[in-house]
C-alpha atoms as a PDB file:
ATOM      1  CA  MET A   1     -84.277 192.005  24.982  1.00  0.00           C
ATOM      2  CA  ASP A   2     -81.526 189.653  26.119  1.00  0.00           C
ATOM      3  CA  THR A   3     -82.834 186.101  26.484  1.00  0.00           C
ATOM      4  CA  SER A   4     -79.404 184.475  26.675  1.00  0.00           C
ATOM      5  CA  TYR A   5     -79.883 183.734  30.402  1.00  0.00           C
ATOM      6  CA  PHE A   6     -83.373 182.252  30.052  1.00  0.00           C
ATOM      7  CA  TRP A   7     -82.431 178.662  30.981  1.00  0.00           C
ATOM      8  CA  GLU A   8     -79.940 179.518  33.718  1.00  0.00           C
ATOM      9  CA  THR A   9     -80.410 178.781  37.415  1.00  0.00           C
ATOM     10  CA  GLU A  10     -78.787 180.379  40.443  1.00  0.00           C
ATOM     11  CA  TYR A  11     -76.090 177.682  40.191  1.00  0.00           C
ATOM     12  CA  THR A  12     -75.293 178.184  36.503  1.00  0.00           C
ATOM     13  CA  LEU A  13     -75.807 181.942  36.187  1.00  0.00           C
ATOM     14  CA  PRO A  14     -72.616 183.834  35.255  1.00  0.00           C
ATOM     15  CA  PRO A  15     -71.420 186.355  37.875  1.00  0.00           C
ATOM     16  CA  ASP A  16     -71.981 189.256  35.460  1.00  0.00           C
ATOM     17  CA  ALA A  17     -75.605 188.331  34.697  1.00  0.00           C
ATOM     18  CA  PRO A  18     -77.912 191.325  35.288  1.00  0.00           C
ATOM     19  CA  GLY A  19     -80.505 190.816  38.011  1.00  0.00           C
ATOM     20  CA  PHE A  20     -83.198 193.349  38.861  1.00  0.00           C
ATOM     21  CA  SER A  21     -83.750 195.678  41.788  1.00  0.00           C
ATOM     22  CA  HIS A  22     -86.857 195.827  43.912  1.00  0.00           C
ATOM     23  CA  PHE A  23     -89.420 198.296  42.539  1.00  0.00           C
ATOM     24  CA  CYS A  24     -87.526 198.817  39.312  1.00  0.00           C
ATOM     25  CA  PRO A  25     -89.750 199.360  36.225  1.00  0.00           C
ATOM     26  CA  GLY A  26     -89.797 195.635  35.438  1.00  0.00           C
ATOM     27  CA  HIS A  27     -90.783 194.729  38.995  1.00  0.00           C
ATOM     28  CA  LEU A  28     -93.449 197.434  39.080  1.00  0.00           C
ATOM     29  CA  LEU A  29     -94.838 196.116  35.805  1.00  0.00           C
ATOM     30  CA  TRP A  30     -95.263 192.671  37.374  1.00  0.00           C
ATOM     31  CA  LEU A  31     -96.928 194.191  40.440  1.00  0.00           C
ATOM     32  CA  GLY A  32     -99.254 196.325  38.340  1.00  0.00           C
ATOM     33  CA  GLY A  33    -100.206 193.330  36.211  1.00  0.00           C
ATOM     34  CA  THR A  34    -100.858 191.315  39.370  1.00  0.00           C
ATOM     35  CA  ALA A  35    -103.168 193.972  40.797  1.00  0.00           C
ATOM     36  CA  ALA A  36    -105.070 194.264  37.509  1.00  0.00           C
ATOM     37  CA  LEU A  37    -105.435 190.496  37.074  1.00  0.00           C
ATOM     38  CA  CYS A  38    -106.603 189.941  40.657  1.00  0.00           C
ATOM     39  CA  THR A  39    -109.161 192.744  40.401  1.00  0.00           C
ATOM     40  CA  VAL A  40    -110.583 191.520  37.091  1.00  0.00           C
ATOM     41  CA  MET A  41    -110.676 187.882  38.202  1.00  0.00           C
ATOM     42  CA  PHE A  42    -112.289 188.765  41.543  1.00  0.00           C
ATOM     43  CA  ILE A  43    -115.144 190.572  39.771  1.00  0.00           C
ATOM     44  CA  PHE A  44    -115.425 187.901  37.065  1.00  0.00           C
ATOM     45  CA  TYR A  45    -115.463 185.020  39.568  1.00  0.00           C
ATOM     46  CA  ARG A  46    -118.305 186.535  41.598  1.00  0.00           C
ATOM     47  CA  ARG A  47    -120.523 186.414  38.517  1.00  0.00           C
ATOM     48  CA  LEU A  48    -119.904 182.728  37.819  1.00  0.00           C
ATOM     49  CA  GLY A  49    -122.155 179.843  38.765  1.00  0.00           C
ATOM     50  CA  GLU A  50    -121.009 177.068  41.093  1.00  0.00           C
ATOM     51  CA  ARG A  51    -119.907 174.711  38.337  1.00  0.00           C
ATOM     52  CA  SER A  52    -117.975 177.436  36.509  1.00  0.00           C
ATOM     53  CA  ARG A  53    -116.297 178.459  39.758  1.00  0.00           C
ATOM     54  CA  LEU A  54    -115.131 174.896  40.340  1.00  0.00           C
ATOM     55  CA  ILE A  55    -113.723 174.727  36.811  1.00  0.00           C
ATOM     56  CA  CYS A  56    -111.916 178.028  37.397  1.00  0.00           C
ATOM     57  CA  LEU A  57    -110.359 176.855  40.674  1.00  0.00           C
ATOM     58  CA  ARG A  58    -109.244 173.568  39.146  1.00  0.00           C
ATOM     59  CA  ALA A  59    -107.755 175.412  36.181  1.00  0.00           C
ATOM     60  CA  LEU A  60    -105.714 177.576  38.562  1.00  0.00           C
ATOM     61  CA  ALA A  61    -104.524 174.474  40.420  1.00  0.00           C
ATOM     62  CA  ALA A  62    -103.525 172.841  37.121  1.00  0.00           C
ATOM     63  CA  LEU A  63    -101.630 175.970  36.075  1.00  0.00           C
ATOM     64  CA  LEU A  64     -99.764 175.976  39.386  1.00  0.00           C
ATOM     65  CA  LEU A  65     -98.757 172.346  38.982  1.00  0.00           C
ATOM     66  CA  CYS A  66     -97.569 173.016  35.427  1.00  0.00           C
ATOM     67  CA  ASP A  67     -95.634 176.033  36.674  1.00  0.00           C
ATOM     68  CA  GLU A  68     -93.944 173.874  39.310  1.00  0.00           C
ATOM     69  CA  LEU A  69     -93.102 171.201  36.730  1.00  0.00           C
ATOM     70  CA  PHE A  70     -91.619 173.925  34.531  1.00  0.00           C
ATOM     71  CA  LYS A  71     -89.262 174.782  37.405  1.00  0.00           C
ATOM     72  CA  TYR A  72     -88.141 171.164  37.691  1.00  0.00           C
ATOM     73  CA  GLY A  73     -87.640 171.017  33.928  1.00  0.00           C
ATOM     74  CA  ILE A  74     -85.307 173.996  33.970  1.00  0.00           C
ATOM     75  CA  ALA A  75     -83.407 172.586  36.952  1.00  0.00           C
ATOM     76  CA  ALA A  76     -82.992 169.221  35.229  1.00  0.00           C
ATOM     77  CA  TYR A  77     -82.021 170.845  31.929  1.00  0.00           C
ATOM     78  CA  SER A  78     -79.284 172.839  33.667  1.00  0.00           C
ATOM     79  CA  GLY A  79     -77.751 169.630  35.024  1.00  0.00           C
ATOM     80  CA  GLU A  80     -77.682 171.223  38.468  1.00  0.00           C
ATOM     81  CA  PHE A  81     -80.767 169.811  40.157  1.00  0.00           C
ATOM     82  CA  ARG A  82     -80.152 170.230  43.890  1.00  0.00           C
ATOM     83  CA  PRO A  83     -82.152 169.779  47.105  1.00  0.00           C
ATOM     84  CA  SER A  84     -83.024 173.500  47.068  1.00  0.00           C
ATOM     85  CA  PHE A  85     -85.318 172.859  44.076  1.00  0.00           C
ATOM     86  CA  LEU A  86     -87.526 170.486  46.058  1.00  0.00           C
ATOM     87  CA  PRO A  87     -91.070 171.733  46.837  1.00  0.00           C
ATOM     88  CA  LEU A  88     -90.412 172.476  50.501  1.00  0.00           C
ATOM     89  CA  HIS A  89     -90.757 176.232  50.499  1.00  0.00           C
ATOM     90  CA  LEU A  90     -93.982 177.426  52.068  1.00  0.00           C
ATOM     91  CA  CYS A  91     -95.333 178.573  48.709  1.00  0.00           C
ATOM     92  CA  SER A  92     -94.519 175.247  47.045  1.00  0.00           C
ATOM     93  CA  ILE A  93     -96.313 173.380  49.829  1.00  0.00           C
ATOM     94  CA  ASN A  94     -99.321 175.629  49.263  1.00  0.00           C
ATOM     95  CA  ILE A  95     -99.443 174.507  45.626  1.00  0.00           C
ATOM     96  CA  PHE A  96    -100.291 171.015  46.805  1.00  0.00           C
ATOM     97  CA  LEU A  97    -102.790 172.305  49.354  1.00  0.00           C
ATOM     98  CA  ILE A  98    -104.506 174.213  46.554  1.00  0.00           C
ATOM     99  CA  THR A  99    -104.549 171.089  44.404  1.00  0.00           C
ATOM    100  CA  ALA A 100    -106.144 169.108  47.229  1.00  0.00           C
ATOM    101  CA  ASP A 101    -108.760 171.807  47.797  1.00  0.00           C
ATOM    102  CA  ALA A 102    -109.530 172.061  44.087  1.00  0.00           C
ATOM    103  CA  ILE A 103    -110.166 168.319  43.983  1.00  0.00           C
ATOM    104  CA  LYS A 104    -112.351 168.390  47.099  1.00  0.00           C
ATOM    105  CA  ALA A 105    -113.175 171.595  48.978  1.00  0.00           C
ATOM    106  CA  ASN A 106    -111.909 171.613  52.542  1.00  0.00           C
ATOM    107  CA  GLU A 107    -112.508 174.458  55.005  1.00  0.00           C
ATOM    108  CA  LEU A 108    -109.332 173.792  57.001  1.00  0.00           C
ATOM    109  CA  LEU A 109    -107.223 173.909  53.834  1.00  0.00           C
ATOM    110  CA  ARG A 110    -108.986 177.086  52.764  1.00  0.00           C
ATOM    111  CA  GLU A 111    -108.259 178.640  56.139  1.00  0.00           C
ATOM    112  CA  ILE A 112    -104.546 177.918  55.667  1.00  0.00           C
ATOM    113  CA  LEU A 113    -104.648 179.326  52.151  1.00  0.00           C
ATOM    114  CA  TYR A 114    -106.279 182.500  53.457  1.00  0.00           C
ATOM    115  CA  ALA A 115    -104.061 183.001  56.513  1.00  0.00           C
ATOM    116  CA  VAL A 116    -100.730 181.695  55.220  1.00  0.00           C
ATOM    117  CA  CYS A 117    -100.694 181.327  51.446  1.00  0.00           C
ATOM    118  CA  MET A 118    -102.246 184.687  50.585  1.00  0.00           C
ATOM    119  CA  PRO A 119    -100.002 186.937  52.739  1.00  0.00           C
ATOM    120  CA  GLY A 120     -96.972 184.779  51.942  1.00  0.00           C
ATOM    121  CA  ALA A 121     -97.511 185.167  48.201  1.00  0.00           C
ATOM    122  CA  PHE A 122     -98.135 188.895  48.626  1.00  0.00           C
ATOM    123  CA  PHE A 123     -94.868 189.479  50.495  1.00  0.00           C
ATOM    124  CA  ALA A 124     -92.969 187.303  48.019  1.00  0.00           C
ATOM    125  CA  LEU A 125     -94.207 189.435  45.119  1.00  0.00           C
ATOM    126  CA  VAL A 126     -93.442 192.724  46.870  1.00  0.00           C
ATOM    127  CA  PHE A 127     -90.041 191.570  48.167  1.00  0.00           C
ATOM    128  CA  PRO A 128     -88.959 188.921  45.614  1.00  0.00           C
ATOM    129  CA  GLY A 129     -86.108 186.743  46.795  1.00  0.00           C
ATOM    130  CA  TRP A 130     -85.176 185.906  43.201  1.00  0.00           C
ATOM    131  CA  SER A 131     -83.993 189.403  42.204  1.00  0.00           C
ATOM    132  CA  TYR A 132     -80.550 187.979  41.410  1.00  0.00           C
ATOM    133  CA  LEU A 133     -82.120 186.463  38.271  1.00  0.00           C
ATOM    134  CA  PRO A 134     -82.587 188.484  35.067  1.00  0.00           C
ATOM    135  CA  LEU A 135     -86.188 189.438  34.369  1.00  0.00           C
ATOM    136  CA  LEU A 136     -86.082 187.420  31.143  1.00  0.00           C
ATOM    137  CA  ASN A 137     -85.140 184.210  32.893  1.00  0.00           C
ATOM    138  CA  GLY A 138     -87.355 181.135  33.085  1.00  0.00           C
ATOM    139  CA  LEU A 139     -87.088 180.693  36.845  1.00  0.00           C
ATOM    140  CA  CYS A 140     -87.711 184.405  37.385  1.00  0.00           C
ATOM    141  CA  ILE A 141     -90.875 184.255  35.288  1.00  0.00           C
ATOM    142  CA  HIS A 142     -91.895 181.058  37.081  1.00  0.00           C
ATOM    143  CA  SER A 143     -91.428 182.720  40.466  1.00  0.00           C
ATOM    144  CA  PHE A 144     -93.619 185.672  39.541  1.00  0.00           C
ATOM    145  CA  THR A 145     -96.370 183.665  37.852  1.00  0.00           C
ATOM    146  CA  ALA A 146     -96.509 180.993  40.569  1.00  0.00           C
ATOM    147  CA  HIS A 147     -96.854 183.564  43.338  1.00  0.00           C
ATOM    148  CA  ILE A 148     -99.478 185.470  41.372  1.00  0.00           C
ATOM    149  CA  LEU A 149    -101.559 182.287  41.108  1.00  0.00           C
ATOM    150  CA  LEU A 150    -100.956 181.543  44.804  1.00  0.00           C
ATOM    151  CA  LEU A 151    -102.293 184.984  45.671  1.00  0.00           C
ATOM    152  CA  LEU A 152    -105.212 184.705  43.271  1.00  0.00           C
ATOM    153  CA  TYR A 153    -106.604 181.364  44.462  1.00  0.00           C
ATOM    154  CA  PRO A 154    -107.500 182.424  48.035  1.00  0.00           C
ATOM    155  CA  LEU A 155    -108.770 185.758  46.731  1.00  0.00           C
ATOM    156  CA  LEU A 156    -111.210 183.881  44.526  1.00  0.00           C
ATOM    157  CA  LEU A 157    -112.281 181.773  47.503  1.00  0.00           C
ATOM    158  CA  ILE A 158    -113.208 184.999  49.283  1.00  0.00           C
ATOM    159  CA  ALA A 159    -115.012 186.220  46.168  1.00  0.00           C
ATOM    160  CA  GLY A 160    -116.960 182.963  46.190  1.00  0.00           C
ATOM    161  CA  GLY A 161    -118.189 183.473  49.732  1.00  0.00           C
ATOM    162  CA  PHE A 162    -115.539 181.826  51.915  1.00  0.00           C
ATOM    163  CA  ARG A 163    -115.580 183.404  55.364  1.00  0.00           C
ATOM    164  CA  PRO A 164    -112.441 182.954  57.480  1.00  0.00           C
ATOM    165  CA  ARG A 165    -112.712 181.941  61.126  1.00  0.00           C
ATOM    166  CA  PHE A 166    -109.823 182.497  63.510  1.00  0.00           C
ATOM    167  CA  ARG A 167    -110.841 179.573  65.737  1.00  0.00           C
ATOM    168  CA  ARG A 168    -110.753 177.308  62.701  1.00  0.00           C
ATOM    169  CA  PHE A 169    -107.297 178.608  61.841  1.00  0.00           C
ATOM    170  CA  LEU A 170    -106.027 177.813  65.353  1.00  0.00           C
ATOM    171  CA  ARG A 171    -106.831 174.151  64.689  1.00  0.00           C
ATOM    172  CA  THR A 172    -104.211 174.117  61.912  1.00  0.00           C
ATOM    173  CA  LEU A 173    -101.320 175.433  64.033  1.00  0.00           C
ATOM    174  CA  PRO A 174    -100.172 172.105  65.551  1.00  0.00           C
ATOM    175  CA  ALA A 175     -99.738 170.603  62.071  1.00  0.00           C
ATOM    176  CA  ALA A 176     -97.939 173.767  60.933  1.00  0.00           C
ATOM    177  CA  LEU A 177     -95.526 173.475  63.867  1.00  0.00           C
ATOM    178  CA  VAL A 178     -94.723 169.853  62.993  1.00  0.00           C
ATOM    179  CA  VAL A 179     -94.056 170.794  59.351  1.00  0.00           C
ATOM    180  CA  THR A 180     -91.820 173.685  60.451  1.00  0.00           C
ATOM    181  CA  VAL A 181     -89.705 171.398  62.650  1.00  0.00           C
ATOM    182  CA  ILE A 182     -89.336 168.855  59.824  1.00  0.00           C
ATOM    183  CA  ILE A 183     -88.277 171.583  57.374  1.00  0.00           C
ATOM    184  CA  ALA A 184     -85.773 173.015  59.870  1.00  0.00           C
ATOM    185  CA  CYS A 185     -84.211 169.557  60.277  1.00  0.00           C
ATOM    186  CA  PHE A 186     -84.051 169.153  56.491  1.00  0.00           C
ATOM    187  CA  ASN A 187     -82.324 172.533  56.174  1.00  0.00           C
ATOM    188  CA  ARG A 188     -79.741 171.513  58.736  1.00  0.00           C
ATOM    189  CA  ALA A 189     -79.067 168.210  56.993  1.00  0.00           C
ATOM    190  CA  PHE A 190     -78.842 169.515  53.409  1.00  0.00           C
ATOM    191  CA  GLY A 191     -77.754 173.139  53.815  1.00  0.00           C
ATOM    192  CA  THR A 192     -80.970 174.514  52.320  1.00  0.00           C
ATOM    193  CA  ASN A 193     -82.997 177.528  53.433  1.00  0.00           C
ATOM    194  CA  PHE A 194     -86.614 176.471  53.052  1.00  0.00           C
ATOM    195  CA  MET A 195     -89.083 178.785  54.809  1.00  0.00           C
ATOM    196  CA  PHE A 196     -86.111 181.102  55.551  1.00  0.00           C
ATOM    197  CA  LEU A 197     -85.405 179.073  58.687  1.00  0.00           C
ATOM    198  CA  ALA A 198     -81.635 178.908  58.094  1.00  0.00           C
ATOM    199  CA  ARG A 199     -80.965 182.513  57.073  1.00  0.00           C
ATOM    200  CA  ALA A 200     -83.011 185.636  56.483  1.00  0.00           C
ATOM    201  CA  GLY A 201     -82.203 186.205  52.824  1.00  0.00           C
ATOM    202  CA  GLU A 202     -81.943 189.641  51.262  1.00  0.00           C
ATOM    203  CA  GLY A 203     -84.409 192.436  50.667  1.00  0.00           C
ATOM    204  CA  ASN A 204     -87.281 190.943  52.661  1.00  0.00           C
ATOM    205  CA  PRO A 205     -88.763 191.967  56.045  1.00  0.00           C
ATOM    206  CA  LEU A 206     -86.758 189.250  57.826  1.00  0.00           C
ATOM    207  CA  SER A 207     -83.512 190.907  56.715  1.00  0.00           C
ATOM    208  CA  TRP A 208     -84.625 193.995  58.660  1.00  0.00           C
ATOM    209  CA  PHE A 209     -85.008 191.890  61.813  1.00  0.00           C
ATOM    210  CA  GLU A 210     -81.610 190.341  61.135  1.00  0.00           C
ATOM    211  CA  SER A 211     -80.000 193.797  60.961  1.00  0.00           C
ATOM    212  CA  PHE A 212     -80.521 194.321  64.696  1.00  0.00           C
ATOM    213  CA  LEU A 213     -81.300 190.839  66.068  1.00  0.00           C
ATOM    214  CA  GLY A 214     -78.678 188.937  64.086  1.00  0.00           C
ATOM    215  CA  SER A 215     -78.968 185.253  63.250  1.00  0.00           C
ATOM    216  CA  PRO A 216     -80.810 183.225  64.456  1.00  0.00           C
ATOM    217  CA  GLY A 217     -82.445 186.146  66.290  1.00  0.00           C
ATOM    218  CA  TYR A 218     -84.178 187.213  63.084  1.00  0.00           C
ATOM    219  CA  LEU A 219     -86.414 184.140  63.475  1.00  0.00           C
ATOM    220  CA  LEU A 220     -88.379 186.146  66.050  1.00  0.00           C
ATOM    221  CA  GLY A 221     -89.489 188.238  63.109  1.00  0.00           C
ATOM    222  CA  ILE A 222     -91.485 185.321  61.692  1.00  0.00           C
ATOM    223  CA  PRO A 223     -94.097 185.123  64.493  1.00  0.00           C
ATOM    224  CA  VAL A 224     -94.138 188.919  64.815  1.00  0.00           C
ATOM    225  CA  THR A 225     -94.803 189.411  61.102  1.00  0.00           C
ATOM    226  CA  ALA A 226     -97.320 186.562  61.075  1.00  0.00           C
ATOM    227  CA  ALA A 227     -99.182 188.008  64.056  1.00  0.00           C
ATOM    228  CA  ALA A 228     -99.362 191.412  62.361  1.00  0.00           C
ATOM    229  CA  CYS A 229    -100.761 189.823  59.194  1.00  0.00           C
ATOM    230  CA  TRP A 230    -103.331 187.780  61.105  1.00  0.00           C
ATOM    231  CA  ALA A 231    -104.390 190.850  63.091  1.00  0.00           C
ATOM    232  CA  VAL A 232    -105.271 192.500  59.789  1.00  0.00           C
ATOM    233  CA  LEU A 233    -106.704 189.423  58.052  1.00  0.00           C
ATOM    234  CA  TYR A 234    -108.958 188.448  60.956  1.00  0.00           C
ATOM    235  CA  GLY A 235    -109.366 191.804  62.676  1.00  0.00           C
ATOM    236  CA  ALA A 236    -110.655 193.658  59.620  1.00  0.00           C
ATOM    237  CA  PRO A 237    -113.521 191.203  58.875  1.00  0.00           C
ATOM    238  CA  ALA A 238    -114.455 191.119  62.586  1.00  0.00           C
ATOM    239  CA  LEU A 239    -114.541 194.912  62.700  1.00  0.00           C
ATOM    240  CA  LYS A 240    -116.643 195.058  59.540  1.00  0.00           C
ATOM    241  CA  LYS A 241    -119.066 192.516  60.969  1.00  0.00           C
ATOM    242  CA  ARG A 242    -119.422 194.559  64.160  1.00  0.00           C
ATOM    243  CA  LEU A 243    -119.991 197.776  62.226  1.00  0.00           C
ATOM    244  CA  ASP A 244    -122.623 196.088  60.074  1.00  0.00           C
ATOM    245  CA  LYS A 245    -124.576 195.191  63.215  1.00  0.00           C
ATOM    246  CA  THR A 246    -124.608 198.758  64.495  1.00  0.00           C
END
């Protein structure tokens, strides 16, 4: 196994460095491991007492923070720390929301983690935007492990009895809109692409929208995709609840 590219970043990686393709054996191995870990942890968490559950959630939050610090360490070590490494991607922001919730449980934060963090982490794992990195690269490993933990945390909240409420989620949208505008302004000022607001990227669902809507037309794909996810995330529990009453 070639580990010669382990400490490289997208700015220091040689042009001939081997990335990976979506759904290649290495990618499928990560996805299979994710499914197995989430299933085992979901079952395990349901059997824990309240105190043990809190310890588990705080451990996940600590792991996420360490994972994020690992990313900064690699960026600093490369000598190419740039604005794009800042924690302004949606998933990076969710790390801090998870930390806040782990310190003190908050239903509004948990609603965001359910409706935004969980599907966002899922799509990132299925359509990784870091496929230009070799599989045996520190930032590649960080990207997989961080998104696995981001997916796992809200799943454990559900296992612990959290019940999502769409009306509660609607209360978070004004704050989300403000954050989106701030990030878009930052992208314009520093040439970054946080939240994919500047360009669609490659190999993700937004690139499909870009193929026929162009840029910035692909941005219409964000609310469309989000609405489809929320229809499933909130529609399925509502349907189950209705069926249980019949």
